[in-house]
Amino acid sequence: MEPVVGMLYSMVDGNYKRLKTIVAGMSQEELDYKGPNQKYNSTAQLVRHLAYVDLKWIFRIKGEAVPRELEEKFGPSFDKNDQLPQLKGISVDVLMTDYDHVVQMIKLMCYQLTDKQLHQTVEYENGYKATIQWGIWHIADHNGYHQAHINQLRKWFSQKSEKREGQHHEKRDFTIGGGNLSLGR
């Protein structure tokens, strides 16, 4: 890779590797957890959203439409209520394997780009324009942005689990042979 392209790609790769460590081993319950009162996007939704946005940037930079089969697999961006599409029951391994393929496409694209091409502009949503350099930077930044949301979901899930565990470990009184015996359970 050329120097600046390589630097940008290393940001993408570093943030992606961090995301993988954040979600590694996540249970299906935690992956689908939508926060207190189920009013936030789940980790599964956020990971799929990141993969789809990255995929769209790849094809935007290449000046091509996202192939229909990839659009169907990763899209749409938003549902009819302008929310991230509902996603439930897809394992972390499947989500991350799918995302691995997208990151591999980013890497291949970066090997083909020159530093000079980074200054070319591409059109993205709502007619806005951005340089290719900004697009690749955005891929990295966007990933880090949603990692903060995923970390918050993990914290809430852990607190919810601890609270549930605490209810199972409350002190219980049992009567044995006419006397009381207190056992923590």
Protein backbone atom coordinates (compact mmCIF):
# COMPACT_ATOMS: atom_id res chain seq x y z
CA MET A 1 0.00 0.00 0.00
CA GLU A 2 1.08 3.53 -0.57
CA PRO A 3 2.02 5.45 2.62
CA VAL A 4 -1.12 7.51 3.29
CA VAL A 5 -3.47 4.78 2.08
CA GLY A 6 -1.61 2.37 4.35
CA MET A 7 -1.96 4.68 7.32
CA LEU A 8 -5.70 5.01 6.72
CA TYR A 9 -6.10 1.27 6.29
CA SER A 10 -4.19 0.64 9.53
CA MET A 11 -6.78 2.80 11.32
CA VAL A 12 -9.59 0.69 9.82
CA ASP A 13 -7.78 -2.54 10.67
CA GLY A 14 -6.93 -1.45 14.22
CA ASN A 15 -10.48 -0.42 15.03
CA TYR A 16 -11.86 -3.60 13.48
CA LYS A 17 -9.50 -5.77 15.53
CA ARG A 18 -10.59 -3.92 18.67
CA LEU A 19 -14.25 -4.50 17.77
CA LYS A 20 -13.53 -8.21 17.41
CA THR A 21 -12.06 -8.33 20.93
CA ILE A 22 -15.05 -6.43 22.34
CA VAL A 23 -17.61 -8.88 20.93
CA ALA A 24 -15.54 -12.09 21.22
CA GLY A 25 -17.43 -14.82 23.06
CA MET A 26 -20.57 -12.72 23.44
CA SER A 27 -23.62 -14.85 24.21
CA GLN A 28 -26.64 -14.69 21.94
CA GLU A 29 -28.64 -13.09 24.74
CA GLU A 30 -26.07 -10.31 25.13
CA LEU A 31 -25.66 -9.88 21.36
CA ASP A 32 -29.42 -9.33 20.99
CA TYR A 33 -29.78 -7.20 24.16
CA LYS A 34 -31.16 -3.76 23.39
CA GLY A 35 -30.39 -1.99 26.64
CA PRO A 36 -32.70 -0.91 29.46
CA ASN A 37 -36.32 -1.14 28.36
CA GLN A 38 -35.13 -2.57 25.03
CA LYS A 39 -34.97 0.92 23.52
CA TYR A 40 -31.48 0.95 21.95
CA ASN A 41 -29.86 -0.82 19.02
CA SER A 42 -28.42 -4.22 19.90
CA THR A 43 -24.80 -5.17 19.37
CA ALA A 44 -25.95 -7.43 16.53
CA GLN A 45 -27.71 -4.50 14.84
CA LEU A 46 -24.66 -2.26 15.28
CA VAL A 47 -22.21 -4.82 13.89
CA ARG A 48 -24.41 -5.44 10.83
CA HIS A 49 -24.83 -1.68 10.39
CA LEU A 50 -21.06 -1.16 10.48
CA ALA A 51 -20.49 -3.90 7.91
CA TYR A 52 -23.17 -2.45 5.61
CA VAL A 53 -21.92 1.13 5.82
CA ASP A 54 -18.36 -0.05 5.14
CA LEU A 55 -19.59 -2.09 2.19
CA LYS A 56 -21.38 0.93 0.75
CA TRP A 57 -18.18 2.99 1.06
CA ILE A 58 -16.17 0.32 -0.79
CA PHE A 59 -18.49 0.43 -3.77
CA ARG A 60 -18.86 4.20 -3.61
CA ILE A 61 -15.08 4.55 -3.82
CA LYS A 62 -14.96 2.03 -6.67
CA GLY A 63 -17.70 3.98 -8.47
CA GLU A 64 -19.97 0.93 -8.59
CA ALA A 65 -23.36 -0.05 -7.22
CA VAL A 66 -23.44 -2.54 -4.35
CA PRO A 67 -24.25 -5.92 -5.92
CA ARG A 68 -27.81 -7.05 -5.22
CA GLU A 69 -26.75 -10.18 -3.30
CA LEU A 70 -24.60 -8.10 -0.94
CA GLU A 71 -27.35 -5.49 -0.59
CA GLU A 72 -29.78 -8.23 0.42
CA LYS A 73 -27.31 -9.83 2.83
CA PHE A 74 -26.19 -6.67 4.65
CA GLY A 75 -28.88 -4.06 3.98
CA PRO A 76 -30.93 -2.05 4.20
CA SER A 77 -29.50 0.91 6.08
CA PHE A 78 -32.78 1.65 7.82
CA ASP A 79 -36.22 0.09 8.09
CA LYS A 80 -39.54 1.80 7.29
CA ASN A 81 -39.42 3.55 10.69
CA ASP A 82 -35.97 5.02 9.93
CA GLN A 83 -34.36 2.69 12.49
CA LEU A 84 -31.62 0.10 12.10
CA PRO A 85 -33.27 -3.12 10.88
CA GLN A 86 -34.21 -5.62 13.56
CA LEU A 87 -31.72 -8.44 13.86
CA LYS A 88 -32.05 -11.32 16.28
CA GLY A 89 -30.68 -14.82 16.60
CA ILE A 90 -27.62 -14.39 14.37
CA SER A 91 -24.50 -15.57 16.20
CA VAL A 92 -21.48 -13.38 16.80
CA ASP A 93 -19.44 -15.83 14.72
CA VAL A 94 -21.70 -15.41 11.70
CA LEU A 95 -21.85 -11.61 12.06
CA MET A 96 -18.09 -11.28 12.39
CA THR A 97 -17.32 -13.76 9.59
CA ASP A 98 -19.57 -11.69 7.31
CA TYR A 99 -17.84 -8.51 8.48
CA ASP A 100 -14.41 -10.16 7.98
CA HIS A 101 -15.23 -10.45 4.28
CA VAL A 102 -16.09 -6.74 4.10
CA VAL A 103 -12.84 -5.76 5.83
CA GLN A 104 -10.94 -7.99 3.43
CA MET A 105 -12.59 -6.10 0.55
CA ILE A 106 -11.45 -2.82 2.13
CA LYS A 107 -7.90 -4.15 2.32
CA LEU A 108 -7.92 -5.23 -1.34
CA MET A 109 -9.36 -1.86 -2.35
CA CYS A 110 -6.63 -0.05 -0.40
CA TYR A 111 -3.92 -2.07 -2.17
CA GLN A 112 -5.31 -0.78 -5.46
CA LEU A 113 -5.55 2.88 -4.41
CA THR A 114 -2.78 5.43 -4.78
CA ASP A 115 -2.19 8.32 -2.41
CA LYS A 116 -3.04 10.67 -5.29
CA GLN A 117 -6.47 9.05 -5.71
CA LEU A 118 -7.31 9.83 -2.09
CA HIS A 119 -8.09 13.41 -3.14
CA GLN A 120 -10.76 12.38 -5.64
CA THR A 121 -14.31 13.03 -4.52
CA VAL A 122 -17.20 10.62 -4.43
CA GLU A 123 -20.86 11.29 -3.84
CA TYR A 124 -22.57 9.74 -0.88
CA GLU A 125 -25.96 10.04 0.82
CA ASN A 126 -28.19 13.01 0.08
CA GLY A 127 -25.87 14.31 -2.64
CA TYR A 128 -22.99 15.13 -0.29
CA LYS A 129 -19.45 14.77 -1.59
CA ALA A 130 -16.35 13.58 0.20
CA THR A 131 -12.81 12.67 -0.72
CA ILE A 132 -11.85 9.02 -0.81
CA GLN A 133 -9.45 9.83 2.03
CA TRP A 134 -12.34 11.08 4.16
CA GLY A 135 -14.37 7.98 3.24
CA ILE A 136 -11.69 5.59 4.48
CA TRP A 137 -11.14 7.71 7.59
CA HIS A 138 -14.91 7.63 8.18
CA ILE A 139 -14.95 3.83 8.02
CA ALA A 140 -12.41 3.74 10.88
CA ASP A 141 -14.03 6.53 12.88
CA HIS A 142 -17.56 5.16 12.52
CA ASN A 143 -16.40 1.79 13.83
CA GLY A 144 -14.86 3.40 16.91
CA TYR A 145 -17.98 5.50 17.47
CA HIS A 146 -20.23 2.44 17.66
CA GLN A 147 -17.73 0.56 19.81
CA ALA A 148 -18.62 3.04 22.53
CA HIS A 149 -22.28 2.07 22.16
CA ILE A 150 -21.43 -1.64 22.26
CA ASN A 151 -19.31 -1.12 25.39
CA GLN A 152 -22.24 0.67 27.03
CA LEU A 153 -24.58 -2.19 26.10
CA ARG A 154 -22.09 -4.65 27.61
CA LYS A 155 -21.99 -2.62 30.83
CA TRP A 156 -25.79 -2.52 31.07
CA PHE A 157 -26.05 -6.23 30.28
CA SER A 158 -23.47 -7.05 32.96
CA GLN A 159 -25.33 -4.93 35.51
CA LYS A 160 -28.61 -6.59 34.57
CA SER A 161 -27.00 -10.02 34.91
CA GLU A 162 -25.42 -9.13 38.28
CA LYS A 163 -28.77 -7.88 39.53
CA ARG A 164 -30.45 -11.09 38.38
CA GLU A 165 -27.67 -13.15 39.99
CA GLY A 166 -28.02 -11.15 43.21
CA GLN A 167 -31.66 -12.13 43.39
CA HIS A 168 -30.65 -15.79 43.16
CA HIS A 169 -28.02 -15.39 45.88
CA GLU A 170 -30.15 -13.69 48.49
CA LYS A 171 -30.05 -15.10 51.98
CA ARG A 172 -32.51 -17.95 52.56
CA ASP A 173 -33.71 -19.26 55.94
CA PHE A 174 -34.35 -22.95 56.31
CA THR A 175 -35.71 -24.87 59.27
CA ILE A 176 -33.75 -28.00 60.06
CA GLY A 177 -34.63 -30.11 63.07
CA GLY A 178 -36.55 -27.33 64.82
CA GLY A 179 -33.78 -24.68 64.47
CA ASN A 180 -33.18 -22.03 61.83
CA LEU A 181 -30.25 -22.28 59.51
CA SER A 182 -29.41 -19.38 57.22
CA LEU A 183 -27.76 -20.24 53.95
CA GLY A 184 -26.61 -17.92 51.26
CA ARG A 185 -27.71 -19.40 47.99
